[in-house]
Amino acid sequence: MAKITGLGGVFYVVKDPAKTRQWYKEKLGIDGEYGPQLNWSEETGDKPYSLISHFEKHDYIQPGKSDFMINLRVDDLDGFLAELKNKDVAILDSVDEGYGKFAWLLDPDGIKIELWQQVQAPE
């Protein structure tokens, strides 16, 4: 039986696609033939996954200007945040929830990006 195997991408309209693509390349370090592109996961270990989460409109996506956000997995959130700060990217907030570390920023079009470092649960 056919099945879905992973997240294919996030698509949305922006004012200046070339400018947005350049921002993702310069600030987040992701680019590809058709725009920012990355493998489903470069992580090893037990069941790395992507998530499509549905919820009613609420403040979680704020101050983003859209009704969605992009979640990107990172392997070293603290190190990645230091790099972003060196590139003058404003970090909205960050938190360690125990099962994962999270941080948030806005892209140049006001789309909220959530960075997520999954951590092992204590045994």
N, C-alpha and C. Protein backbone atom coordinates (compact mmCIF):
# COMPACT_ATOMS: atom_id res chain seq x y z
N MET A 1 0.84 -1.18 0.00
CA MET A 1 0.00 0.00 0.00
C MET A 1 0.89 1.25 0.00
N ALA A 2 0.52 2.25 -0.77
CA ALA A 2 1.26 3.50 -0.82
C ALA A 2 1.10 4.26 0.49
N LYS A 3 2.14 5.06 0.87
CA LYS A 3 2.07 5.82 2.12
C LYS A 3 2.91 7.08 2.04
N ILE A 4 2.61 8.01 2.87
CA ILE A 4 3.40 9.23 3.00
C ILE A 4 4.69 8.86 3.73
N THR A 5 5.83 9.40 3.28
CA THR A 5 7.11 9.03 3.90
C THR A 5 7.82 10.17 4.62
N GLY A 6 7.37 11.40 4.47
CA GLY A 6 8.02 12.51 5.16
C GLY A 6 7.47 13.84 4.70
N LEU A 7 7.94 14.90 5.25
CA LEU A 7 7.50 16.23 4.89
C LEU A 7 8.17 16.65 3.60
N GLY A 8 7.38 17.01 2.59
CA GLY A 8 7.91 17.40 1.30
C GLY A 8 8.31 18.86 1.23
N GLY A 9 7.71 19.70 2.00
CA GLY A 9 8.08 21.11 1.98
C GLY A 9 7.00 21.98 2.58
N VAL A 10 7.32 23.25 2.70
CA VAL A 10 6.38 24.26 3.14
C VAL A 10 6.34 25.30 2.04
N PHE A 11 5.16 25.64 1.57
CA PHE A 11 5.01 26.58 0.47
C PHE A 11 4.16 27.76 0.91
N TYR A 12 4.62 28.96 0.60
CA TYR A 12 3.85 30.15 0.95
C TYR A 12 4.27 31.31 0.06
N VAL A 13 3.42 32.29 -0.06
CA VAL A 13 3.65 33.44 -0.92
C VAL A 13 4.43 34.51 -0.16
N VAL A 14 5.44 35.10 -0.81
CA VAL A 14 6.22 36.19 -0.23
C VAL A 14 6.30 37.33 -1.25
N LYS A 15 6.64 38.50 -0.77
CA LYS A 15 6.73 39.68 -1.63
C LYS A 15 7.91 39.60 -2.60
N ASP A 16 9.07 39.15 -2.12
CA ASP A 16 10.29 39.11 -2.93
C ASP A 16 10.97 37.75 -2.74
N PRO A 17 10.61 36.73 -3.55
CA PRO A 17 11.16 35.39 -3.37
C PRO A 17 12.69 35.34 -3.39
N ALA A 18 13.34 36.11 -4.24
CA ALA A 18 14.81 36.08 -4.31
C ALA A 18 15.42 36.60 -3.01
N LYS A 19 14.85 37.64 -2.45
CA LYS A 19 15.34 38.21 -1.19
C LYS A 19 15.15 37.21 -0.05
N THR A 20 13.99 36.58 0.00
CA THR A 20 13.72 35.60 1.05
C THR A 20 14.65 34.40 0.92
N ARG A 21 14.85 33.91 -0.30
CA ARG A 21 15.76 32.78 -0.53
C ARG A 21 17.17 33.14 -0.07
N GLN A 22 17.62 34.34 -0.39
CA GLN A 22 18.96 34.78 0.03
C GLN A 22 19.07 34.84 1.54
N TRP A 23 18.03 35.30 2.23
CA TRP A 23 18.03 35.36 3.70
C TRP A 23 18.19 33.95 4.29
N TYR A 24 17.41 32.99 3.78
CA TYR A 24 17.52 31.61 4.27
C TYR A 24 18.92 31.06 4.03
N LYS A 25 19.53 31.41 2.91
CA LYS A 25 20.88 30.94 2.60
C LYS A 25 21.90 31.59 3.53
N GLU A 26 21.85 32.91 3.66
CA GLU A 26 22.84 33.63 4.46
C GLU A 26 22.66 33.42 5.96
N LYS A 27 21.43 33.46 6.44
CA LYS A 27 21.19 33.43 7.88
C LYS A 27 21.05 32.01 8.43
N LEU A 28 20.34 31.14 7.71
CA LEU A 28 20.10 29.79 8.22
C LEU A 28 21.00 28.74 7.58
N GLY A 29 21.68 29.10 6.49
CA GLY A 29 22.61 28.17 5.87
C GLY A 29 21.95 27.07 5.06
N ILE A 30 20.73 27.32 4.56
CA ILE A 30 20.07 26.30 3.74
C ILE A 30 19.71 26.89 2.38
N ASP A 31 20.02 26.12 1.34
CA ASP A 31 19.73 26.51 -0.03
C ASP A 31 19.68 25.24 -0.86
N GLY A 32 19.19 25.33 -2.05
CA GLY A 32 19.13 24.18 -2.93
C GLY A 32 18.71 24.61 -4.31
N GLU A 33 18.57 23.64 -5.19
CA GLU A 33 18.25 23.93 -6.58
C GLU A 33 16.94 24.71 -6.73
N TYR A 34 15.95 24.40 -5.90
CA TYR A 34 14.63 25.01 -6.02
C TYR A 34 14.31 25.96 -4.87
N GLY A 35 15.28 26.28 -4.06
CA GLY A 35 15.07 27.12 -2.88
C GLY A 35 15.63 26.41 -1.66
N PRO A 36 15.39 26.96 -0.45
CA PRO A 36 15.90 26.31 0.75
C PRO A 36 15.47 24.84 0.79
N GLN A 37 16.45 23.95 0.86
CA GLN A 37 16.19 22.52 0.74
C GLN A 37 17.07 21.78 1.72
N LEU A 38 16.52 20.77 2.37
CA LEU A 38 17.32 19.95 3.26
C LEU A 38 16.78 18.54 3.25
N ASN A 39 17.61 17.61 3.64
CA ASN A 39 17.18 16.23 3.75
C ASN A 39 16.13 16.13 4.85
N TRP A 40 15.31 15.11 4.77
CA TRP A 40 14.28 14.91 5.78
C TRP A 40 14.90 14.96 7.16
N SER A 41 16.01 14.29 7.36
CA SER A 41 16.73 14.36 8.61
C SER A 41 18.13 13.81 8.41
N GLU A 42 19.10 14.49 8.99
CA GLU A 42 20.47 13.98 8.99
C GLU A 42 20.78 13.35 10.34
N GLU A 43 19.79 13.29 11.19
CA GLU A 43 19.98 12.77 12.53
C GLU A 43 20.03 11.25 12.52
N THR A 44 20.72 10.71 13.49
CA THR A 44 20.71 9.27 13.70
C THR A 44 19.98 9.00 15.00
N GLY A 45 19.68 7.78 15.25
CA GLY A 45 18.99 7.45 16.49
C GLY A 45 17.59 6.95 16.22
N ASP A 46 16.81 6.90 17.25
CA ASP A 46 15.50 6.29 17.19
C ASP A 46 14.43 7.25 16.67
N LYS A 47 13.94 6.99 15.50
CA LYS A 47 12.77 7.63 14.91
C LYS A 47 12.79 9.16 14.85
N PRO A 48 13.75 9.76 14.17
CA PRO A 48 13.60 11.20 13.94
C PRO A 48 12.37 11.40 13.06
N TYR A 49 11.59 12.43 13.33
CA TYR A 49 10.36 12.60 12.58
C TYR A 49 10.06 14.07 12.32
N SER A 50 9.18 14.28 11.35
CA SER A 50 8.60 15.59 11.07
C SER A 50 7.16 15.54 11.53
N LEU A 51 6.60 16.69 11.82
CA LEU A 51 5.27 16.75 12.39
C LEU A 51 4.41 17.74 11.63
N ILE A 52 3.18 17.37 11.36
CA ILE A 52 2.18 18.32 10.89
C ILE A 52 1.20 18.45 12.02
N SER A 53 1.16 19.62 12.63
CA SER A 53 0.35 19.84 13.83
C SER A 53 -0.81 20.78 13.50
N HIS A 54 -2.02 20.37 13.84
CA HIS A 54 -3.21 21.18 13.61
C HIS A 54 -3.73 21.69 14.94
N PHE A 55 -4.00 22.98 15.00
CA PHE A 55 -4.60 23.53 16.21
C PHE A 55 -5.37 24.79 15.86
N GLU A 56 -6.27 25.16 16.75
CA GLU A 56 -7.05 26.37 16.53
C GLU A 56 -6.14 27.58 16.63
N LYS A 57 -6.56 28.65 15.99
CA LYS A 57 -5.76 29.88 16.00
C LYS A 57 -5.56 30.35 17.44
N HIS A 58 -4.30 30.59 17.78
CA HIS A 58 -3.97 31.13 19.10
C HIS A 58 -2.62 31.82 19.03
N ASP A 59 -2.12 32.27 20.14
CA ASP A 59 -0.93 33.11 20.18
C ASP A 59 0.38 32.39 19.87
N TYR A 60 0.38 31.06 19.77
CA TYR A 60 1.63 30.33 19.58
C TYR A 60 2.39 30.77 18.33
N ILE A 61 1.67 31.11 17.28
CA ILE A 61 2.31 31.51 16.03
C ILE A 61 2.66 33.00 16.03
N GLN A 62 2.13 33.74 16.96
CA GLN A 62 2.45 35.17 17.06
C GLN A 62 3.89 35.35 17.50
N PRO A 63 4.60 36.35 17.10
CA PRO A 63 4.16 37.49 16.31
C PRO A 63 4.26 37.28 14.81
N GLY A 64 4.27 36.03 14.37
CA GLY A 64 4.29 35.77 12.93
C GLY A 64 3.08 36.40 12.25
N LYS A 65 3.23 36.73 10.99
CA LYS A 65 2.17 37.42 10.25
C LYS A 65 1.27 36.47 9.48
N SER A 66 1.46 35.17 9.61
CA SER A 66 0.67 34.17 8.89
C SER A 66 0.00 33.23 9.87
N ASP A 67 -0.83 32.35 9.34
CA ASP A 67 -1.50 31.36 10.17
C ASP A 67 -0.72 30.05 10.21
N PHE A 68 0.58 30.10 9.99
CA PHE A 68 1.41 28.92 10.09
C PHE A 68 2.82 29.35 10.47
N MET A 69 3.62 28.38 10.87
CA MET A 69 5.04 28.61 11.12
C MET A 69 5.80 27.41 10.58
N ILE A 70 7.10 27.55 10.51
CA ILE A 70 7.97 26.49 10.03
C ILE A 70 8.80 26.00 11.21
N ASN A 71 8.84 24.70 11.41
CA ASN A 71 9.67 24.10 12.45
C ASN A 71 10.86 23.44 11.76
N LEU A 72 12.06 23.82 12.19
CA LEU A 72 13.29 23.25 11.64
C LEU A 72 14.07 22.57 12.76
N ARG A 73 14.44 21.32 12.53
CA ARG A 73 15.23 20.59 13.52
C ARG A 73 16.68 21.04 13.44
N VAL A 74 17.34 21.18 14.58
CA VAL A 74 18.76 21.52 14.63
C VAL A 74 19.47 20.55 15.56
N ASP A 75 20.76 20.35 15.34
CA ASP A 75 21.50 19.40 16.16
C ASP A 75 22.15 20.05 17.38
N ASP A 76 22.33 21.36 17.36
CA ASP A 76 22.97 22.08 18.47
C ASP A 76 22.33 23.47 18.54
N LEU A 77 21.24 23.59 19.28
CA LEU A 77 20.50 24.83 19.30
C LEU A 77 21.35 25.99 19.82
N ASP A 78 22.07 25.79 20.91
CA ASP A 78 22.88 26.87 21.47
C ASP A 78 23.92 27.37 20.46
N GLY A 79 24.59 26.46 19.79
CA GLY A 79 25.57 26.84 18.79
C GLY A 79 24.94 27.55 17.61
N PHE A 80 23.77 27.06 17.18
CA PHE A 80 23.08 27.68 16.05
C PHE A 80 22.60 29.08 16.41
N LEU A 81 22.11 29.26 17.64
CA LEU A 81 21.66 30.59 18.07
C LEU A 81 22.83 31.57 18.12
N ALA A 82 23.99 31.10 18.55
CA ALA A 82 25.16 31.97 18.58
C ALA A 82 25.52 32.43 17.16
N GLU A 83 25.44 31.51 16.19
CA GLU A 83 25.71 31.87 14.80
C GLU A 83 24.69 32.88 14.29
N LEU A 84 23.41 32.68 14.62
CA LEU A 84 22.38 33.60 14.17
C LEU A 84 22.59 35.00 14.75
N LYS A 85 22.95 35.06 16.02
CA LYS A 85 23.19 36.36 16.66
C LYS A 85 24.36 37.06 15.99
N ASN A 86 25.39 36.32 15.58
CA ASN A 86 26.52 36.91 14.85
C ASN A 86 26.10 37.44 13.48
N LYS A 87 24.99 36.92 12.96
CA LYS A 87 24.46 37.37 11.67
C LYS A 87 23.35 38.41 11.86
N ASP A 88 23.25 38.95 13.07
CA ASP A 88 22.24 39.97 13.41
C ASP A 88 20.81 39.51 13.22
N VAL A 89 20.54 38.24 13.50
CA VAL A 89 19.17 37.72 13.48
C VAL A 89 18.61 37.83 14.89
N ALA A 90 17.47 38.47 15.02
CA ALA A 90 16.83 38.63 16.32
C ALA A 90 16.16 37.33 16.75
N ILE A 91 16.46 36.88 17.95
CA ILE A 91 15.83 35.69 18.51
C ILE A 91 14.69 36.16 19.41
N LEU A 92 13.48 35.67 19.15
CA LEU A 92 12.31 36.09 19.92
C LEU A 92 12.34 35.54 21.33
N ASP A 93 12.70 34.27 21.46
CA ASP A 93 12.70 33.60 22.77
C ASP A 93 13.34 32.23 22.59
N SER A 94 13.71 31.61 23.69
CA SER A 94 14.18 30.23 23.68
C SER A 94 13.81 29.59 25.00
N VAL A 95 13.66 28.26 24.97
CA VAL A 95 13.25 27.54 26.17
C VAL A 95 13.74 26.10 26.07
N ASP A 96 14.04 25.51 27.22
CA ASP A 96 14.38 24.09 27.32
C ASP A 96 13.21 23.40 28.00
N GLU A 97 12.51 22.54 27.26
CA GLU A 97 11.33 21.85 27.80
C GLU A 97 11.67 20.48 28.38
N GLY A 98 12.94 20.13 28.42
CA GLY A 98 13.33 18.82 28.93
C GLY A 98 13.42 17.79 27.81
N TYR A 99 12.36 17.62 27.05
CA TYR A 99 12.36 16.69 25.92
C TYR A 99 12.95 17.34 24.67
N GLY A 100 13.11 18.66 24.71
CA GLY A 100 13.67 19.37 23.57
C GLY A 100 13.92 20.82 23.90
N LYS A 101 14.83 21.42 23.16
CA LYS A 101 15.12 22.84 23.27
C LYS A 101 14.50 23.54 22.07
N PHE A 102 13.92 24.71 22.30
CA PHE A 102 13.24 25.45 21.26
C PHE A 102 13.70 26.90 21.25
N ALA A 103 13.66 27.51 20.07
CA ALA A 103 13.90 28.95 19.93
C ALA A 103 13.07 29.42 18.74
N TRP A 104 12.76 30.73 18.73
CA TRP A 104 11.91 31.27 17.69
C TRP A 104 12.48 32.55 17.11
N LEU A 105 12.25 32.74 15.81
CA LEU A 105 12.67 33.94 15.10
C LEU A 105 11.68 34.18 13.97
N LEU A 106 11.80 35.33 13.32
CA LEU A 106 10.97 35.64 12.16
C LEU A 106 11.86 35.75 10.93
N ASP A 107 11.37 35.23 9.79
CA ASP A 107 12.11 35.44 8.55
C ASP A 107 11.78 36.84 8.03
N PRO A 108 12.39 37.28 6.92
CA PRO A 108 12.18 38.66 6.48
C PRO A 108 10.74 38.97 6.06
N ASP A 109 9.91 37.95 5.87
CA ASP A 109 8.51 38.16 5.50
C ASP A 109 7.57 38.01 6.68
N GLY A 110 8.13 37.90 7.89
CA GLY A 110 7.30 37.79 9.08
C GLY A 110 6.78 36.40 9.36
N ILE A 111 7.36 35.38 8.73
CA ILE A 111 6.97 33.99 9.00
C ILE A 111 7.74 33.53 10.23
N LYS A 112 7.03 33.02 11.22
CA LYS A 112 7.68 32.54 12.44
C LYS A 112 8.37 31.22 12.16
N ILE A 113 9.61 31.10 12.59
CA ILE A 113 10.39 29.87 12.47
C ILE A 113 10.69 29.38 13.87
N GLU A 114 10.38 28.13 14.10
CA GLU A 114 10.68 27.48 15.37
C GLU A 114 11.85 26.54 15.14
N LEU A 115 12.91 26.72 15.90
CA LEU A 115 14.06 25.83 15.86
C LEU A 115 13.92 24.82 16.99
N TRP A 116 14.19 23.56 16.71
CA TRP A 116 13.96 22.50 17.69
C TRP A 116 15.14 21.55 17.73
N GLN A 117 15.72 21.40 18.92
CA GLN A 117 16.73 20.38 19.14
C GLN A 117 16.09 19.32 20.02
N GLN A 118 15.87 18.14 19.46
CA GLN A 118 15.32 17.04 20.24
C GLN A 118 16.41 16.50 21.15
N VAL A 119 16.04 16.22 22.39
CA VAL A 119 16.99 15.61 23.32
C VAL A 119 16.40 14.33 23.86
N GLN A 120 17.26 13.43 24.23
CA GLN A 120 16.80 12.14 24.77
C GLN A 120 16.07 12.35 26.09
N ALA A 121 15.02 11.63 26.27
CA ALA A 121 14.32 11.66 27.55
C ALA A 121 15.18 10.96 28.59
N PRO A 122 15.17 11.43 29.85
CA PRO A 122 15.96 10.76 30.89
C PRO A 122 15.51 9.31 31.08
N GLU A 123 16.47 8.45 31.33
CA GLU A 123 16.12 7.02 31.53
C GLU A 123 15.88 6.74 32.98
